[in-house]
C-alpha atoms as a PDB file:
ATOM      1  CA  MET A   1     -11.385 -27.201 -21.108  1.00  0.00           C
ATOM      2  CA  ASP A   2      -8.770 -25.789 -18.696  1.00  0.00           C
ATOM      3  CA  SER A   3     -11.108 -24.314 -16.098  1.00  0.00           C
ATOM      4  CA  THR A   4     -14.735 -23.474 -15.445  1.00  0.00           C
ATOM      5  CA  ARG A   5     -16.222 -20.682 -13.424  1.00  0.00           C
ATOM      6  CA  ILE A   6     -19.405 -19.715 -11.663  1.00  0.00           C
ATOM      7  CA  GLU A   7     -19.660 -15.965 -11.192  1.00  0.00           C
ATOM      8  CA  THR A   8     -22.434 -13.735  -9.882  1.00  0.00           C
ATOM      9  CA  ARG A   9     -22.600  -9.966  -9.502  1.00  0.00           C
ATOM     10  CA  ILE A  10     -24.686  -7.634  -7.401  1.00  0.00           C
ATOM     11  CA  GLY A  11     -24.877  -3.901  -6.768  1.00  0.00           C
ATOM     12  CA  ILE A  12     -24.712  -2.869  -3.118  1.00  0.00           C
ATOM     13  CA  ARG A  13     -25.545   0.570  -1.732  1.00  0.00           C
ATOM     14  CA  ALA A  14     -22.530   0.658   0.578  1.00  0.00           C
ATOM     15  CA  SER A  15     -18.929   1.701   0.293  1.00  0.00           C
ATOM     16  CA  ALA A  16     -16.264  -0.829  -0.606  1.00  0.00           C
ATOM     17  CA  GLU A  17     -14.763  -0.146   2.847  1.00  0.00           C
ATOM     18  CA  ARG A  18     -18.000  -1.216   4.565  1.00  0.00           C
ATOM     19  CA  ILE A  19     -18.247  -4.368   2.463  1.00  0.00           C
ATOM     20  CA  TRP A  20     -14.569  -5.155   3.099  1.00  0.00           C
ATOM     21  CA  GLU A  21     -15.289  -5.062   6.846  1.00  0.00           C
ATOM     22  CA  LEU A  22     -17.544  -8.077   6.228  1.00  0.00           C
ATOM     23  CA  VAL A  23     -15.299  -9.816   3.673  1.00  0.00           C
ATOM     24  CA  GLY A  24     -11.794  -9.105   4.969  1.00  0.00           C
ATOM     25  CA  ASP A  25     -12.586 -10.133   8.550  1.00  0.00           C
ATOM     26  CA  LEU A  26     -13.216 -13.863   8.378  1.00  0.00           C
ATOM     27  CA  GLU A  27     -14.972 -13.821  11.760  1.00  0.00           C
ATOM     28  CA  ALA A  28     -17.574 -11.523  10.188  1.00  0.00           C
ATOM     29  CA  TRP A  29     -18.436 -14.129   7.528  1.00  0.00           C
ATOM     30  CA  LYS A  30     -20.946 -15.758   9.866  1.00  0.00           C
ATOM     31  CA  GLN A  31     -23.066 -12.581   9.503  1.00  0.00           C
ATOM     32  CA  TRP A  32     -23.672 -13.281   5.804  1.00  0.00           C
ATOM     33  CA  ASN A  33     -22.186 -16.657   4.806  1.00  0.00           C
ATOM     34  CA  SER A  34     -23.961 -19.802   5.930  1.00  0.00           C
ATOM     35  CA  PHE A  35     -22.316 -22.061   3.327  1.00  0.00           C
ATOM     36  CA  GLU A  36     -18.672 -21.757   4.437  1.00  0.00           C
ATOM     37  CA  GLN A  37     -18.861 -22.461   8.146  1.00  0.00           C
ATOM     38  CA  HIS A  38     -16.414 -22.629  11.055  1.00  0.00           C
ATOM     39  CA  ILE A  39     -13.963 -20.467   9.141  1.00  0.00           C
ATOM     40  CA  GLN A  40     -10.550 -19.934  10.712  1.00  0.00           C
ATOM     41  CA  GLY A  41      -7.533 -18.011   9.525  1.00  0.00           C
ATOM     42  CA  ARG A  42      -6.755 -14.505   8.461  1.00  0.00           C
ATOM     43  CA  VAL A  43      -6.582 -12.532   5.261  1.00  0.00           C
ATOM     44  CA  TRP A  44      -2.897 -12.264   4.472  1.00  0.00           C
ATOM     45  CA  GLN A  45      -0.907 -13.382   1.429  1.00  0.00           C
ATOM     46  CA  ASP A  46      -0.301 -17.159   1.534  1.00  0.00           C
ATOM     47  CA  ALA A  47      -2.099 -17.512   4.888  1.00  0.00           C
ATOM     48  CA  THR A  48      -3.973 -20.775   5.429  1.00  0.00           C
ATOM     49  CA  VAL A  49      -7.734 -20.584   5.877  1.00  0.00           C
ATOM     50  CA  THR A  50      -9.857 -23.555   6.927  1.00  0.00           C
ATOM     51  CA  TYR A  51     -13.615 -23.958   6.851  1.00  0.00           C
ATOM     52  CA  THR A  52     -16.397 -26.442   6.235  1.00  0.00           C
ATOM     53  CA  GLU A  53     -18.173 -26.175   2.887  1.00  0.00           C
ATOM     54  CA  ALA A  54     -21.879 -26.793   3.398  1.00  0.00           C
ATOM     55  CA  TYR A  55     -23.539 -25.971   0.087  1.00  0.00           C
ATOM     56  CA  PRO A  56     -27.164 -27.135  -0.312  1.00  0.00           C
ATOM     57  CA  ASP A  57     -27.580 -30.700  -1.598  1.00  0.00           C
ATOM     58  CA  ILE A  58     -23.802 -31.228  -1.827  1.00  0.00           C
ATOM     59  CA  PRO A  59     -21.970 -33.322   0.792  1.00  0.00           C
ATOM     60  CA  GLU A  60     -20.119 -31.256   3.409  1.00  0.00           C
ATOM     61  CA  ARG A  61     -16.386 -30.950   2.890  1.00  0.00           C
ATOM     62  CA  ALA A  62     -13.535 -29.738   5.093  1.00  0.00           C
ATOM     63  CA  ALA A  63     -11.527 -27.199   3.095  1.00  0.00           C
ATOM     64  CA  SER A  64      -8.001 -25.960   3.651  1.00  0.00           C
ATOM     65  CA  VAL A  65      -7.049 -23.171   1.271  1.00  0.00           C
ATOM     66  CA  VAL A  66      -4.527 -20.362   1.022  1.00  0.00           C
ATOM     67  CA  VAL A  67      -5.041 -16.680   0.415  1.00  0.00           C
ATOM     68  CA  SER A  68      -3.595 -16.723  -3.095  1.00  0.00           C
ATOM     69  CA  ASP A  69      -4.418 -13.100  -3.909  1.00  0.00           C
ATOM     70  CA  TRP A  70      -5.827 -10.166  -2.030  1.00  0.00           C
ATOM     71  CA  VAL A  71      -6.056  -6.423  -2.280  1.00  0.00           C
ATOM     72  CA  PRO A  72      -7.438  -4.654   0.792  1.00  0.00           C
ATOM     73  CA  VAL A  73     -10.854  -3.180   0.021  1.00  0.00           C
ATOM     74  CA  GLY A  74     -10.741  -4.798  -3.410  1.00  0.00           C
ATOM     75  CA  LYS A  75     -10.236  -8.530  -3.808  1.00  0.00           C
ATOM     76  CA  LEU A  76      -9.969 -11.817  -1.928  1.00  0.00           C
ATOM     77  CA  VAL A  77      -9.039 -15.115  -3.603  1.00  0.00           C
ATOM     78  CA  LEU A  78      -8.854 -18.400  -1.658  1.00  0.00           C
ATOM     79  CA  SER A  79      -7.299 -21.295  -3.598  1.00  0.00           C
ATOM     80  CA  GLY A  80      -6.723 -24.950  -2.852  1.00  0.00           C
ATOM     81  CA  LYS A  81      -6.836 -28.542  -3.970  1.00  0.00           C
ATOM     82  CA  ARG A  82     -10.190 -30.287  -3.792  1.00  0.00           C
ATOM     83  CA  GLY A  83      -8.609 -33.674  -4.317  1.00  0.00           C
ATOM     84  CA  PHE A  84      -6.931 -35.651  -7.066  1.00  0.00           C
ATOM     85  CA  LEU A  85      -7.055 -33.675 -10.352  1.00  0.00           C
ATOM     86  CA  SER A  86      -9.274 -31.015  -8.769  1.00  0.00           C
ATOM     87  CA  ASN A  87      -8.529 -27.451  -7.700  1.00  0.00           C
ATOM     88  CA  SER A  88     -10.726 -24.492  -6.894  1.00  0.00           C
ATOM     89  CA  SER A  89     -10.411 -20.770  -6.299  1.00  0.00           C
ATOM     90  CA  ARG A  90     -13.126 -18.912  -4.391  1.00  0.00           C
ATOM     91  CA  PHE A  91     -13.141 -15.181  -5.162  1.00  0.00           C
ATOM     92  CA  ILE A  92     -14.802 -11.958  -4.061  1.00  0.00           C
ATOM     93  CA  ILE A  93     -14.064  -8.752  -5.969  1.00  0.00           C
ATOM     94  CA  LEU A  94     -15.252  -5.282  -4.940  1.00  0.00           C
ATOM     95  CA  GLU A  95     -15.507  -2.405  -7.388  1.00  0.00           C
ATOM     96  CA  GLU A  96     -16.721   0.890  -5.956  1.00  0.00           C
ATOM     97  CA  VAL A  97     -18.400   2.606  -8.904  1.00  0.00           C
ATOM     98  CA  GLU A  98     -19.285   5.760  -6.994  1.00  0.00           C
ATOM     99  CA  LYS A  99     -19.198   6.887  -3.392  1.00  0.00           C
ATOM    100  CA  GLY A 100     -21.420   4.500  -1.444  1.00  0.00           C
ATOM    101  CA  ALA A 101     -22.144   2.172  -4.394  1.00  0.00           C
ATOM    102  CA  THR A 102     -20.167  -1.012  -5.013  1.00  0.00           C
ATOM    103  CA  ILE A 103     -20.407  -3.882  -7.479  1.00  0.00           C
ATOM    104  CA  VAL A 104     -19.539  -7.223  -5.865  1.00  0.00           C
ATOM    105  CA  THR A 105     -18.473 -10.137  -8.039  1.00  0.00           C
ATOM    106  CA  MET A 106     -18.480 -13.439  -6.194  1.00  0.00           C
ATOM    107  CA  GLY A 107     -17.794 -16.901  -7.453  1.00  0.00           C
ATOM    108  CA  ILE A 108     -15.728 -20.044  -7.663  1.00  0.00           C
ATOM    109  CA  MET A 109     -13.433 -21.361 -10.368  1.00  0.00           C
ATOM    110  CA  PHE A 110     -12.629 -25.050 -10.865  1.00  0.00           C
ATOM    111  CA  SER A 111      -9.674 -26.554 -12.686  1.00  0.00           C
ATOM    112  CA  GLY A 112      -8.420 -30.044 -13.322  1.00  0.00           C
ATOM    113  CA  LEU A 113     -10.442 -32.880 -14.809  1.00  0.00           C
ATOM    114  CA  ARG A 114     -12.284 -33.772 -11.609  1.00  0.00           C
ATOM    115  CA  GLY A 115     -12.838 -30.092 -10.784  1.00  0.00           C
ATOM    116  CA  GLU A 116     -14.564 -29.616 -14.112  1.00  0.00           C
ATOM    117  CA  LEU A 117     -16.686 -32.723 -13.525  1.00  0.00           C
ATOM    118  CA  PHE A 118     -17.677 -31.416 -10.059  1.00  0.00           C
ATOM    119  CA  HIS A 119     -18.629 -28.082 -11.630  1.00  0.00           C
ATOM    120  CA  ASP A 120     -20.719 -29.773 -14.314  1.00  0.00           C
ATOM    121  CA  LYS A 121     -22.561 -31.909 -11.752  1.00  0.00           C
ATOM    122  CA  HIS A 122     -23.286 -29.111  -9.243  1.00  0.00           C
ATOM    123  CA  ARG A 123     -23.330 -25.953 -11.376  1.00  0.00           C
ATOM    124  CA  SER A 124     -26.947 -24.944 -10.693  1.00  0.00           C
ATOM    125  CA  ARG A 125     -26.701 -25.491  -6.924  1.00  0.00           C
ATOM    126  CA  LEU A 126     -23.403 -23.595  -6.717  1.00  0.00           C
ATOM    127  CA  ARG A 127     -24.720 -20.689  -8.802  1.00  0.00           C
ATOM    128  CA  GLN A 128     -27.764 -20.441  -6.547  1.00  0.00           C
ATOM    129  CA  ALA A 129     -25.489 -20.517  -3.480  1.00  0.00           C
ATOM    130  CA  MET A 130     -23.322 -17.692  -4.901  1.00  0.00           C
ATOM    131  CA  GLU A 131     -26.450 -15.638  -5.612  1.00  0.00           C
ATOM    132  CA  THR A 132     -27.667 -16.240  -2.042  1.00  0.00           C
ATOM    133  CA  LEU A 133     -24.278 -15.197  -0.654  1.00  0.00           C
ATOM    134  CA  ASN A 134     -24.398 -11.980  -2.684  1.00  0.00           C
ATOM    135  CA  GLU A 135     -27.904 -11.216  -1.401  1.00  0.00           C
ATOM    136  CA  ASN A 136     -26.847 -11.961   2.193  1.00  0.00           C
ATOM    137  CA  LEU A 137     -23.746  -9.769   1.874  1.00  0.00           C
ATOM    138  CA  LYS A 138     -25.879  -6.981   0.420  1.00  0.00           C
ATOM    139  CA  ALA A 139     -28.343  -7.183   3.311  1.00  0.00           C
ATOM    140  CA  ALA A 140     -25.552  -7.165   5.898  1.00  0.00           C
ATOM    141  CA  ALA A 141     -23.686  -4.269   4.281  1.00  0.00           C
ATOM    142  CA  GLU A 142     -26.753  -2.111   3.700  1.00  0.00           C
ATOM    143  CA  SER A 143     -28.119  -2.626   7.201  1.00  0.00           C
ATOM    144  CA  ALA A 144     -25.263  -0.756   8.869  1.00  0.00           C
END
């Protein structure tokens, strides 16, 4: 196996521009993301972003990643090494299907032997966290 992925999707009654205000501005993450805390950096190609991962029932971890791909009002991918033989890419993709209605795909991809083992061990907790993040983002975007 080369990589594994956890991916969740949700429909949000808000424009992609409104959702991007919450995703593309890392300071705004605290409004909807309680699992990636103390986030610092900016959304720009190859920019470094740091944060503390605090997923439920998984030990906290300081993360330093780079913006490996981004499209304003469309996609954000943060990639980095998790350790020896372990990499991950955290992604958020926005697809506006009609005016004021957007599908958000959110997830995390693991690669490397130890990344795959981490995924296998924590898959259910990480999937639940991604679903919670989608629900929180939906609530924040629709409340404006």
